[in-house]
Amino acid sequence: MITVTESAAKQIRIAAGRAEAEDMGLRIAARRDEHGSLHYAMGFDEARGDDLVLASEGIALVVSPEHRDLLDGMTLDYVELDAGDFRFIFVNPNDAAPAASETGACGSGSCGCSGRS
């Protein structure tokens, strides 16, 4: 199960509106690097084949079978890291990194977020 916080859901809705992707789900993916840390990507996409589709905070999430185990238990949040620097963060019990992994905007940037609220 993936949890989306209220703050993240609000920003995802804003991004979906800007990208004219209100009818699409948010695909989330993860891969483990050679050091064991997880790297994330997300963007608006349609569900295909064996994809898992679930909802959290009214956001449809799409996860492909090969990413399910890596994302199980993850929370997607949207926080202000420094003054005016808003970002999505991925808090994941499956990540070997000592702190929650974070990326600018939406991981791959493909969800249309500017990184600002």
C-alpha atoms as a PDB file:
ATOM      1  CA  MET A   1       0.000   0.000   0.000  1.00  0.00           C
ATOM      2  CA  ILE A   2       1.177   3.514  -0.840  1.00  0.00           C
ATOM      3  CA  THR A   3       0.006   6.515   1.159  1.00  0.00           C
ATOM      4  CA  VAL A   4      -0.284  10.021  -0.269  1.00  0.00           C
ATOM      5  CA  THR A   5      -0.432  12.854   2.261  1.00  0.00           C
ATOM      6  CA  GLU A   6      -3.020  15.598   1.973  1.00  0.00           C
ATOM      7  CA  SER A   7      -0.271  18.078   1.041  1.00  0.00           C
ATOM      8  CA  ALA A   8       1.045  15.821  -1.737  1.00  0.00           C
ATOM      9  CA  ALA A   9      -2.469  15.139  -3.037  1.00  0.00           C
ATOM     10  CA  LYS A  10      -3.161  18.867  -3.310  1.00  0.00           C
ATOM     11  CA  GLN A  11       0.044  19.444  -5.302  1.00  0.00           C
ATOM     12  CA  ILE A  12      -0.619  16.415  -7.536  1.00  0.00           C
ATOM     13  CA  ARG A  13      -4.068  17.801  -8.383  1.00  0.00           C
ATOM     14  CA  ILE A  14      -2.513  21.168  -9.260  1.00  0.00           C
ATOM     15  CA  ALA A  15       0.077  19.458 -11.477  1.00  0.00           C
ATOM     16  CA  ALA A  16      -2.582  17.313 -13.159  1.00  0.00           C
ATOM     17  CA  GLY A  17      -4.566  20.425 -13.990  1.00  0.00           C
ATOM     18  CA  ARG A  18      -1.532  22.173 -15.475  1.00  0.00           C
ATOM     19  CA  ALA A  19      -0.676  19.082 -17.534  1.00  0.00           C
ATOM     20  CA  GLU A  20      -4.311  18.513 -18.552  1.00  0.00           C
ATOM     21  CA  ALA A  21      -3.970  15.021 -17.047  1.00  0.00           C
ATOM     22  CA  GLU A  22      -6.897  15.067 -14.617  1.00  0.00           C
ATOM     23  CA  ASP A  23      -8.198  11.745 -15.994  1.00  0.00           C
ATOM     24  CA  MET A  24      -4.879   9.929 -15.666  1.00  0.00           C
ATOM     25  CA  GLY A  25      -3.348   8.115 -12.734  1.00  0.00           C
ATOM     26  CA  LEU A  26      -0.020   8.976 -11.147  1.00  0.00           C
ATOM     27  CA  ARG A  27       2.459   6.241 -12.027  1.00  0.00           C
ATOM     28  CA  ILE A  28       5.137   5.730  -9.382  1.00  0.00           C
ATOM     29  CA  ALA A  29       8.267   3.671 -10.003  1.00  0.00           C
ATOM     30  CA  ALA A  30      11.388   2.825  -8.007  1.00  0.00           C
ATOM     31  CA  ARG A  31      14.709   1.182  -8.758  1.00  0.00           C
ATOM     32  CA  ARG A  32      17.506   0.173  -6.423  1.00  0.00           C
ATOM     33  CA  ASP A  33      21.002   1.458  -7.234  1.00  0.00           C
ATOM     34  CA  GLU A  34      24.261  -0.415  -6.708  1.00  0.00           C
ATOM     35  CA  HIS A  35      24.494   0.937  -3.135  1.00  0.00           C
ATOM     36  CA  GLY A  36      21.008  -0.272  -2.214  1.00  0.00           C
ATOM     37  CA  SER A  37      19.305   3.131  -2.170  1.00  0.00           C
ATOM     38  CA  LEU A  38      16.015   3.594  -3.967  1.00  0.00           C
ATOM     39  CA  HIS A  39      15.503   6.140  -6.737  1.00  0.00           C
ATOM     40  CA  TYR A  40      12.003   7.223  -7.664  1.00  0.00           C
ATOM     41  CA  ALA A  41      10.166   8.463 -10.715  1.00  0.00           C
ATOM     42  CA  MET A  42       6.580   9.489 -11.214  1.00  0.00           C
ATOM     43  CA  GLY A  43       4.394  10.943 -13.889  1.00  0.00           C
ATOM     44  CA  PHE A  44       0.843  10.868 -15.174  1.00  0.00           C
ATOM     45  CA  ASP A  45       0.028   7.709 -17.108  1.00  0.00           C
ATOM     46  CA  GLU A  46      -2.702   5.211 -17.964  1.00  0.00           C
ATOM     47  CA  ALA A  47      -2.824   1.800 -16.314  1.00  0.00           C
ATOM     48  CA  ARG A  48      -1.735  -1.134 -18.487  1.00  0.00           C
ATOM     49  CA  GLY A  49      -1.849  -4.914 -18.258  1.00  0.00           C
ATOM     50  CA  ASP A  50      -0.921  -6.138 -14.784  1.00  0.00           C
ATOM     51  CA  ASP A  51      -0.574  -2.673 -13.233  1.00  0.00           C
ATOM     52  CA  LEU A  52      -1.846  -2.243  -9.711  1.00  0.00           C
ATOM     53  CA  VAL A  53      -4.216   0.720  -9.424  1.00  0.00           C
ATOM     54  CA  LEU A  54      -4.979   2.020  -5.951  1.00  0.00           C
ATOM     55  CA  ALA A  55      -6.147   5.267  -4.423  1.00  0.00           C
ATOM     56  CA  SER A  56      -4.942   7.424  -1.567  1.00  0.00           C
ATOM     57  CA  GLU A  57      -6.337  10.860  -0.684  1.00  0.00           C
ATOM     58  CA  GLY A  58      -8.408  10.673  -3.874  1.00  0.00           C
ATOM     59  CA  ILE A  59      -5.330  10.221  -6.084  1.00  0.00           C
ATOM     60  CA  ALA A  60      -5.286   7.203  -8.432  1.00  0.00           C
ATOM     61  CA  LEU A  61      -1.857   5.582  -8.190  1.00  0.00           C
ATOM     62  CA  VAL A  62      -0.508   3.237 -10.860  1.00  0.00           C
ATOM     63  CA  VAL A  63       2.305   0.788 -10.055  1.00  0.00           C
ATOM     64  CA  SER A  64       3.753  -1.811 -12.400  1.00  0.00           C
ATOM     65  CA  PRO A  65       4.328  -5.340 -11.051  1.00  0.00           C
ATOM     66  CA  GLU A  66       8.120  -5.003 -10.933  1.00  0.00           C
ATOM     67  CA  HIS A  67       7.894  -1.987  -8.583  1.00  0.00           C
ATOM     68  CA  ARG A  68       5.246  -3.240  -6.146  1.00  0.00           C
ATOM     69  CA  ASP A  69       7.590  -4.733  -3.545  1.00  0.00           C
ATOM     70  CA  LEU A  70       9.902  -1.692  -3.548  1.00  0.00           C
ATOM     71  CA  LEU A  71       6.994   0.716  -3.038  1.00  0.00           C
ATOM     72  CA  ASP A  72       4.982  -1.247  -0.489  1.00  0.00           C
ATOM     73  CA  GLY A  73       4.550   0.855   2.666  1.00  0.00           C
ATOM     74  CA  MET A  74       5.855   4.073   1.067  1.00  0.00           C
ATOM     75  CA  THR A  75       4.427   7.503   1.865  1.00  0.00           C
ATOM     76  CA  LEU A  76       4.537  10.303  -0.709  1.00  0.00           C
ATOM     77  CA  ASP A  77       4.623  13.749   0.904  1.00  0.00           C
ATOM     78  CA  TYR A  78       5.100  17.329  -0.305  1.00  0.00           C
ATOM     79  CA  VAL A  79       7.088  19.489   2.087  1.00  0.00           C
ATOM     80  CA  GLU A  80       9.032  22.724   2.326  1.00  0.00           C
ATOM     81  CA  LEU A  81      12.662  21.676   2.808  1.00  0.00           C
ATOM     82  CA  ASP A  82      14.064  25.217   2.905  1.00  0.00           C
ATOM     83  CA  ALA A  83      12.321  28.577   2.649  1.00  0.00           C
ATOM     84  CA  GLY A  84      10.424  28.506  -0.660  1.00  0.00           C
ATOM     85  CA  ASP A  85      11.875  25.113  -1.666  1.00  0.00           C
ATOM     86  CA  PHE A  86       8.936  22.709  -1.898  1.00  0.00           C
ATOM     87  CA  ARG A  87       9.518  19.111  -2.967  1.00  0.00           C
ATOM     88  CA  PHE A  88       7.946  15.703  -3.059  1.00  0.00           C
ATOM     89  CA  ILE A  89       9.660  13.282  -0.714  1.00  0.00           C
ATOM     90  CA  PHE A  90       9.367   9.504  -0.594  1.00  0.00           C
ATOM     91  CA  VAL A  91       9.373   8.014   2.906  1.00  0.00           C
ATOM     92  CA  ASN A  92       9.890   4.327   2.373  1.00  0.00           C
ATOM     93  CA  PRO A  93      10.664   1.564   4.877  1.00  0.00           C
ATOM     94  CA  ASN A  94      12.216  -0.433   1.994  1.00  0.00           C
ATOM     95  CA  ASP A  95      14.890   2.212   1.364  1.00  0.00           C
ATOM     96  CA  ALA A  96      18.332   1.359   2.754  1.00  0.00           C
ATOM     97  CA  ALA A  97      19.278   5.066   2.905  1.00  0.00           C
ATOM     98  CA  PRO A  98      19.479   6.455   6.458  1.00  0.00           C
ATOM     99  CA  ALA A  99      17.024   9.302   5.724  1.00  0.00           C
ATOM    100  CA  ALA A 100      13.950   9.608   3.552  1.00  0.00           C
ATOM    101  CA  SER A 101      14.865   9.834  -0.108  1.00  0.00           C
ATOM    102  CA  GLU A 102      13.955  13.032  -1.851  1.00  0.00           C
ATOM    103  CA  THR A 103      14.017  14.367  -5.365  1.00  0.00           C
ATOM    104  CA  GLY A 104      13.290  17.697  -6.914  1.00  0.00           C
ATOM    105  CA  ALA A 105       9.762  18.234  -8.180  1.00  0.00           C
ATOM    106  CA  CYS A 106       8.410  14.804  -9.146  1.00  0.00           C
ATOM    107  CA  GLY A 107      11.359  12.474  -9.394  1.00  0.00           C
ATOM    108  CA  SER A 108      11.610  12.430 -13.154  1.00  0.00           C
ATOM    109  CA  GLY A 109       9.861  15.781 -13.398  1.00  0.00           C
ATOM    110  CA  SER A 110       7.300  14.313 -15.763  1.00  0.00           C
ATOM    111  CA  CYS A 111       4.281  15.084 -13.626  1.00  0.00           C
ATOM    112  CA  GLY A 112       4.305  18.768 -14.484  1.00  0.00           C
ATOM    113  CA  CYS A 113       5.263  20.069 -11.041  1.00  0.00           C
ATOM    114  CA  SER A 114       7.355  23.156 -10.696  1.00  0.00           C
ATOM    115  CA  GLY A 115       8.545  22.314  -7.194  1.00  0.00           C
ATOM    116  CA  ARG A 116       6.714  25.361  -5.814  1.00  0.00           C
ATOM    117  CA  SER A 117       3.287  25.534  -4.281  1.00  0.00           C
END
